[in-house]
Amino acid sequence: MKDEALAARCRALRLVVSDVDGVLTDGTVLLLPGGAEAKAFHTRDGLAVVLAHRAGLRTALLSGRSSEAVARRARELGIAIVRQCVSDKAAAFAEILAGLGLRPHEAAYIGDDVNDLPAMVQAGLSAAPADGAFEVKAQAYMVTDARGGHGCFREFVEAILRARGEWESLMQTIGAALP
């Protein structure tokens, strides 16, 4: 990437925070008999979490809903920071930062709907998926080409890692010990 402003923001990052429904999923919630629910996650987004971790970036999930599927996916990917049933995303985002001893410019946030805006405006770098709400895309530093649930998190992480100059070296290790 040739955008030095983006590169500077990305070099400062230590954490990438993502909304779940509408970012890691397409926003569909399947309500199953017996009260269970199901969500579909894109494997490219999962690999993006692995690559972020390899590059030394921590990851976190921040969701307004609560779902065992989200907790399970987070466990599978090694995402230690998961906040569900969050009504005030700005406060939860600030709490996560405080808990890690980070400042807002050291965190990125990707969200798709208006309840993500209070956290997005705090973050040092923000993004929205292609099908995010108008207001969210207008606020975002970056709007991905991919829609929510279709690799937008991967696109965001890849842009960060390319801007940091780490993408090529990570690609050389891609065959080694993927979880």
C-alpha atoms as a PDB file:
ATOM      1  CA  MET A   1       0.000   0.000   0.000  1.00  0.00           C
ATOM      2  CA  LYS A   2       1.223   3.435  -0.841  1.00  0.00           C
ATOM      3  CA  ASP A   3      -0.925   5.302   1.659  1.00  0.00           C
ATOM      4  CA  GLU A   4       1.576   6.366   4.351  1.00  0.00           C
ATOM      5  CA  ALA A   5      -1.200   7.551   6.651  1.00  0.00           C
ATOM      6  CA  LEU A   6      -2.698   4.060   6.587  1.00  0.00           C
ATOM      7  CA  ALA A   7       0.725   2.468   7.089  1.00  0.00           C
ATOM      8  CA  ALA A   8       1.403   4.650  10.129  1.00  0.00           C
ATOM      9  CA  ARG A   9      -1.957   3.762  11.662  1.00  0.00           C
ATOM     10  CA  CYS A  10      -1.363   0.063  11.013  1.00  0.00           C
ATOM     11  CA  ARG A  11       2.138   0.025  12.508  1.00  0.00           C
ATOM     12  CA  ALA A  12       0.695   1.370  15.772  1.00  0.00           C
ATOM     13  CA  LEU A  13      -1.913  -1.395  16.047  1.00  0.00           C
ATOM     14  CA  ARG A  14      -1.705  -4.071  18.745  1.00  0.00           C
ATOM     15  CA  LEU A  15      -5.336  -5.253  18.681  1.00  0.00           C
ATOM     16  CA  VAL A  16      -8.054  -5.904  16.092  1.00  0.00           C
ATOM     17  CA  VAL A  17     -11.618  -5.913  17.435  1.00  0.00           C
ATOM     18  CA  SER A  18     -14.510  -7.237  15.386  1.00  0.00           C
ATOM     19  CA  ASP A  19     -18.256  -7.164  15.654  1.00  0.00           C
ATOM     20  CA  VAL A  20     -19.718 -10.606  14.926  1.00  0.00           C
ATOM     21  CA  ASP A  21     -23.134 -10.540  13.224  1.00  0.00           C
ATOM     22  CA  GLY A  22     -22.789  -8.744   9.914  1.00  0.00           C
ATOM     23  CA  VAL A  23     -18.974  -8.919   9.931  1.00  0.00           C
ATOM     24  CA  LEU A  24     -17.858 -12.465  10.751  1.00  0.00           C
ATOM     25  CA  THR A  25     -21.280 -13.722   9.660  1.00  0.00           C
ATOM     26  CA  ASP A  26     -23.662 -12.438   7.014  1.00  0.00           C
ATOM     27  CA  GLY A  27     -26.006 -11.380   9.802  1.00  0.00           C
ATOM     28  CA  THR A  28     -28.330 -14.350   9.456  1.00  0.00           C
ATOM     29  CA  VAL A  29     -29.329 -16.004  12.722  1.00  0.00           C
ATOM     30  CA  LEU A  30     -30.898 -19.433  12.303  1.00  0.00           C
ATOM     31  CA  LEU A  31     -33.181 -20.269  15.229  1.00  0.00           C
ATOM     32  CA  LEU A  32     -33.281 -24.044  15.573  1.00  0.00           C
ATOM     33  CA  PRO A  33     -35.784 -26.267  17.382  1.00  0.00           C
ATOM     34  CA  GLY A  34     -35.039 -26.533  21.087  1.00  0.00           C
ATOM     35  CA  GLY A  35     -33.768 -22.957  21.356  1.00  0.00           C
ATOM     36  CA  ALA A  36     -30.361 -23.453  19.709  1.00  0.00           C
ATOM     37  CA  GLU A  37     -29.118 -21.135  17.010  1.00  0.00           C
ATOM     38  CA  ALA A  38     -26.653 -21.506  14.162  1.00  0.00           C
ATOM     39  CA  LYS A  39     -24.335 -19.102  12.382  1.00  0.00           C
ATOM     40  CA  ALA A  40     -22.032 -19.544   9.393  1.00  0.00           C
ATOM     41  CA  PHE A  41     -18.435 -18.289   9.585  1.00  0.00           C
ATOM     42  CA  HIS A  42     -16.135 -17.879   6.588  1.00  0.00           C
ATOM     43  CA  THR A  43     -12.890 -19.858   6.730  1.00  0.00           C
ATOM     44  CA  ARG A  44     -10.912 -16.954   5.249  1.00  0.00           C
ATOM     45  CA  ASP A  45     -11.835 -14.861   8.260  1.00  0.00           C
ATOM     46  CA  GLY A  46     -10.589 -17.671  10.501  1.00  0.00           C
ATOM     47  CA  LEU A  47      -7.254 -17.743   8.689  1.00  0.00           C
ATOM     48  CA  ALA A  48      -7.051 -13.965   9.091  1.00  0.00           C
ATOM     49  CA  VAL A  49      -7.257 -14.432  12.876  1.00  0.00           C
ATOM     50  CA  VAL A  50      -4.402 -16.949  12.697  1.00  0.00           C
ATOM     51  CA  LEU A  51      -2.309 -14.579  10.569  1.00  0.00           C
ATOM     52  CA  ALA A  52      -3.017 -11.638  12.863  1.00  0.00           C
ATOM     53  CA  HIS A  53      -1.866 -13.688  15.842  1.00  0.00           C
ATOM     54  CA  ARG A  54       1.299 -14.749  13.993  1.00  0.00           C
ATOM     55  CA  ALA A  55       2.028 -11.084  13.342  1.00  0.00           C
ATOM     56  CA  GLY A  56       1.719 -10.317  17.050  1.00  0.00           C
ATOM     57  CA  LEU A  57      -1.721  -8.721  16.895  1.00  0.00           C
ATOM     58  CA  ARG A  58      -4.301  -9.681  19.487  1.00  0.00           C
ATOM     59  CA  THR A  59      -7.908 -10.148  18.426  1.00  0.00           C
ATOM     60  CA  ALA A  60     -11.196  -9.587  20.219  1.00  0.00           C
ATOM     61  CA  LEU A  61     -14.888 -10.059  19.498  1.00  0.00           C
ATOM     62  CA  LEU A  62     -17.543  -7.589  20.587  1.00  0.00           C
ATOM     63  CA  SER A  63     -21.167  -8.609  19.987  1.00  0.00           C
ATOM     64  CA  GLY A  64     -24.554  -7.258  20.945  1.00  0.00           C
ATOM     65  CA  ARG A  65     -25.988 -10.786  20.960  1.00  0.00           C
ATOM     66  CA  SER A  66     -24.994 -13.891  22.883  1.00  0.00           C
ATOM     67  CA  SER A  67     -24.369 -17.162  21.122  1.00  0.00           C
ATOM     68  CA  GLU A  68     -22.610 -20.412  21.931  1.00  0.00           C
ATOM     69  CA  ALA A  69     -21.605 -20.574  18.256  1.00  0.00           C
ATOM     70  CA  VAL A  70     -19.584 -17.367  18.731  1.00  0.00           C
ATOM     71  CA  ALA A  71     -17.946 -18.681  21.910  1.00  0.00           C
ATOM     72  CA  ARG A  72     -17.064 -21.928  20.140  1.00  0.00           C
ATOM     73  CA  ARG A  73     -15.607 -20.191  17.082  1.00  0.00           C
ATOM     74  CA  ALA A  74     -13.551 -17.914  19.337  1.00  0.00           C
ATOM     75  CA  ARG A  75     -12.164 -20.945  21.207  1.00  0.00           C
ATOM     76  CA  GLU A  76     -11.301 -22.679  17.927  1.00  0.00           C
ATOM     77  CA  LEU A  77      -9.373 -19.628  16.729  1.00  0.00           C
ATOM     78  CA  GLY A  78      -7.695 -18.746  20.015  1.00  0.00           C
ATOM     79  CA  ILE A  79      -9.535 -15.459  20.461  1.00  0.00           C
ATOM     80  CA  ALA A  80      -9.263 -14.905  24.206  1.00  0.00           C
ATOM     81  CA  ILE A  81     -11.245 -11.674  24.440  1.00  0.00           C
ATOM     82  CA  VAL A  82     -14.924 -12.213  23.725  1.00  0.00           C
ATOM     83  CA  ARG A  83     -17.634  -9.847  24.953  1.00  0.00           C
ATOM     84  CA  GLN A  84     -21.231 -10.831  24.190  1.00  0.00           C
ATOM     85  CA  CYS A  85     -24.579  -9.216  25.087  1.00  0.00           C
ATOM     86  CA  VAL A  86     -22.933  -5.805  24.892  1.00  0.00           C
ATOM     87  CA  SER A  87     -25.363  -2.909  24.773  1.00  0.00           C
ATOM     88  CA  ASP A  88     -22.734  -0.153  25.016  1.00  0.00           C
ATOM     89  CA  LYS A  89     -19.958  -1.007  22.574  1.00  0.00           C
ATOM     90  CA  ALA A  90     -18.016   2.182  23.320  1.00  0.00           C
ATOM     91  CA  ALA A  91     -17.766   1.280  26.999  1.00  0.00           C
ATOM     92  CA  ALA A  92     -16.897  -2.354  26.251  1.00  0.00           C
ATOM     93  CA  PHE A  93     -14.243  -1.273  23.733  1.00  0.00           C
ATOM     94  CA  ALA A  94     -12.726   1.104  26.300  1.00  0.00           C
ATOM     95  CA  GLU A  95     -12.761  -1.659  28.946  1.00  0.00           C
ATOM     96  CA  ILE A  96     -10.947  -4.049  26.622  1.00  0.00           C
ATOM     97  CA  LEU A  97      -8.307  -1.422  25.887  1.00  0.00           C
ATOM     98  CA  ALA A  98      -7.861  -0.615  29.579  1.00  0.00           C
ATOM     99  CA  GLY A  99      -7.563  -4.304  30.421  1.00  0.00           C
ATOM    100  CA  LEU A 100      -4.750  -4.690  27.898  1.00  0.00           C
ATOM    101  CA  GLY A 101      -3.080  -1.383  28.746  1.00  0.00           C
ATOM    102  CA  LEU A 102      -3.673  -0.053  25.233  1.00  0.00           C
ATOM    103  CA  ARG A 103      -4.635   3.358  23.921  1.00  0.00           C
ATOM    104  CA  PRO A 104      -7.355   3.805  21.277  1.00  0.00           C
ATOM    105  CA  HIS A 105      -4.879   4.441  18.441  1.00  0.00           C
ATOM    106  CA  GLU A 106      -3.431   0.961  19.095  1.00  0.00           C
ATOM    107  CA  ALA A 107      -6.703  -0.769  18.236  1.00  0.00           C
ATOM    108  CA  ALA A 108      -8.627  -1.351  15.027  1.00  0.00           C
ATOM    109  CA  TYR A 109     -12.370  -1.978  14.881  1.00  0.00           C
ATOM    110  CA  ILE A 110     -14.573  -3.428  12.147  1.00  0.00           C
ATOM    111  CA  GLY A 111     -18.344  -3.179  12.423  1.00  0.00           C
ATOM    112  CA  ASP A 112     -21.364  -3.125  10.170  1.00  0.00           C
ATOM    113  CA  ASP A 113     -24.222  -1.342  11.896  1.00  0.00           C
ATOM    114  CA  VAL A 114     -24.981   1.861  13.778  1.00  0.00           C
ATOM    115  CA  ASN A 115     -24.479   0.260  17.202  1.00  0.00           C
ATOM    116  CA  ASP A 116     -20.804  -0.168  16.202  1.00  0.00           C
ATOM    117  CA  LEU A 117     -20.267   3.553  15.568  1.00  0.00           C
ATOM    118  CA  PRO A 118     -19.435   4.520  19.179  1.00  0.00           C
ATOM    119  CA  ALA A 119     -16.556   2.007  19.231  1.00  0.00           C
ATOM    120  CA  MET A 120     -15.446   2.762  15.679  1.00  0.00           C
ATOM    121  CA  VAL A 121     -14.920   6.447  16.370  1.00  0.00           C
ATOM    122  CA  GLN A 122     -12.573   5.582  19.248  1.00  0.00           C
ATOM    123  CA  ALA A 123     -10.394   3.199  17.227  1.00  0.00           C
ATOM    124  CA  GLY A 124      -7.155   4.162  15.535  1.00  0.00           C
ATOM    125  CA  LEU A 125      -8.343   2.394  12.388  1.00  0.00           C
ATOM    126  CA  SER A 126     -11.902   1.449  11.485  1.00  0.00           C
ATOM    127  CA  ALA A 127     -13.532  -0.557   8.732  1.00  0.00           C
ATOM    128  CA  ALA A 128     -16.935  -1.632   7.513  1.00  0.00           C
ATOM    129  CA  PRO A 129     -17.981  -4.442   5.178  1.00  0.00           C
ATOM    130  CA  ALA A 130     -19.319  -3.581   1.731  1.00  0.00           C
ATOM    131  CA  ASP A 131     -22.890  -4.211   2.875  1.00  0.00           C
ATOM    132  CA  GLY A 132     -22.592  -2.274   6.122  1.00  0.00           C
ATOM    133  CA  ALA A 133     -25.052   0.457   7.047  1.00  0.00           C
ATOM    134  CA  PHE A 134     -24.604   3.740   5.192  1.00  0.00           C
ATOM    135  CA  GLU A 135     -23.669   5.660   8.341  1.00  0.00           C
ATOM    136  CA  VAL A 136     -21.047   3.076   9.279  1.00  0.00           C
ATOM    137  CA  LYS A 137     -19.434   3.061   5.841  1.00  0.00           C
ATOM    138  CA  ALA A 138     -19.364   6.871   5.923  1.00  0.00           C
ATOM    139  CA  GLN A 139     -17.487   6.796   9.260  1.00  0.00           C
ATOM    140  CA  ALA A 140     -15.094   3.960   8.395  1.00  0.00           C
ATOM    141  CA  TYR A 141     -11.508   4.640   7.361  1.00  0.00           C
ATOM    142  CA  MET A 142     -11.792   1.610   5.079  1.00  0.00           C
ATOM    143  CA  VAL A 143     -14.750  -0.106   3.413  1.00  0.00           C
ATOM    144  CA  THR A 144     -13.989  -3.635   2.272  1.00  0.00           C
ATOM    145  CA  ASP A 145     -14.995  -5.040  -1.088  1.00  0.00           C
ATOM    146  CA  ALA A 146     -16.260  -8.170   0.668  1.00  0.00           C
ATOM    147  CA  ARG A 147     -19.634  -8.335   2.381  1.00  0.00           C
ATOM    148  CA  GLY A 148     -20.132  -9.396   5.968  1.00  0.00           C
ATOM    149  CA  GLY A 149     -19.640 -13.127   6.409  1.00  0.00           C
ATOM    150  CA  HIS A 150     -17.843 -13.344   3.075  1.00  0.00           C
ATOM    151  CA  GLY A 151     -14.256 -12.585   4.034  1.00  0.00           C
ATOM    152  CA  CYS A 152     -14.427  -8.895   5.005  1.00  0.00           C
ATOM    153  CA  PHE A 153     -12.466  -9.503   8.210  1.00  0.00           C
ATOM    154  CA  ARG A 154      -9.775 -11.247   6.163  1.00  0.00           C
ATOM    155  CA  GLU A 155      -9.646  -8.301   3.777  1.00  0.00           C
ATOM    156  CA  PHE A 156      -9.270  -5.871   6.689  1.00  0.00           C
ATOM    157  CA  VAL A 157      -6.518  -7.886   8.375  1.00  0.00           C
ATOM    158  CA  GLU A 158      -4.702  -8.393   5.075  1.00  0.00           C
ATOM    159  CA  ALA A 159      -4.761  -4.629   4.439  1.00  0.00           C
ATOM    160  CA  ILE A 160      -3.320  -4.043   7.922  1.00  0.00           C
ATOM    161  CA  LEU A 161      -0.577  -6.640   7.474  1.00  0.00           C
ATOM    162  CA  ARG A 162       0.326  -5.379   3.986  1.00  0.00           C
ATOM    163  CA  ALA A 163       0.523  -1.806   5.260  1.00  0.00           C
ATOM    164  CA  ARG A 164       2.814  -2.987   8.069  1.00  0.00           C
ATOM    165  CA  GLY A 165       5.020  -4.762   5.518  1.00  0.00           C
ATOM    166  CA  GLU A 166       4.379  -8.180   7.114  1.00  0.00           C
ATOM    167  CA  TRP A 167       2.157  -9.887   4.551  1.00  0.00           C
ATOM    168  CA  GLU A 168       4.874 -11.378   2.337  1.00  0.00           C
ATOM    169  CA  SER A 169       6.832 -12.923   5.205  1.00  0.00           C
ATOM    170  CA  LEU A 170       3.625 -14.391   6.656  1.00  0.00           C
ATOM    171  CA  MET A 171       2.815 -15.947   3.286  1.00  0.00           C
ATOM    172  CA  GLN A 172       6.164 -17.760   3.372  1.00  0.00           C
ATOM    173  CA  THR A 173       5.111 -19.465   6.625  1.00  0.00           C
ATOM    174  CA  ILE A 174       1.540 -20.233   5.585  1.00  0.00           C
ATOM    175  CA  GLY A 175       2.113 -23.939   5.135  1.00  0.00           C
ATOM    176  CA  ALA A 176       3.639 -24.357   8.558  1.00  0.00           C
ATOM    177  CA  ALA A 177       1.438 -25.655  11.367  1.00  0.00           C
ATOM    178  CA  LEU A 178      -1.911 -24.025  10.726  1.00  0.00           C
ATOM    179  CA  PRO A 179      -4.425 -24.871  13.438  1.00  0.00           C
END
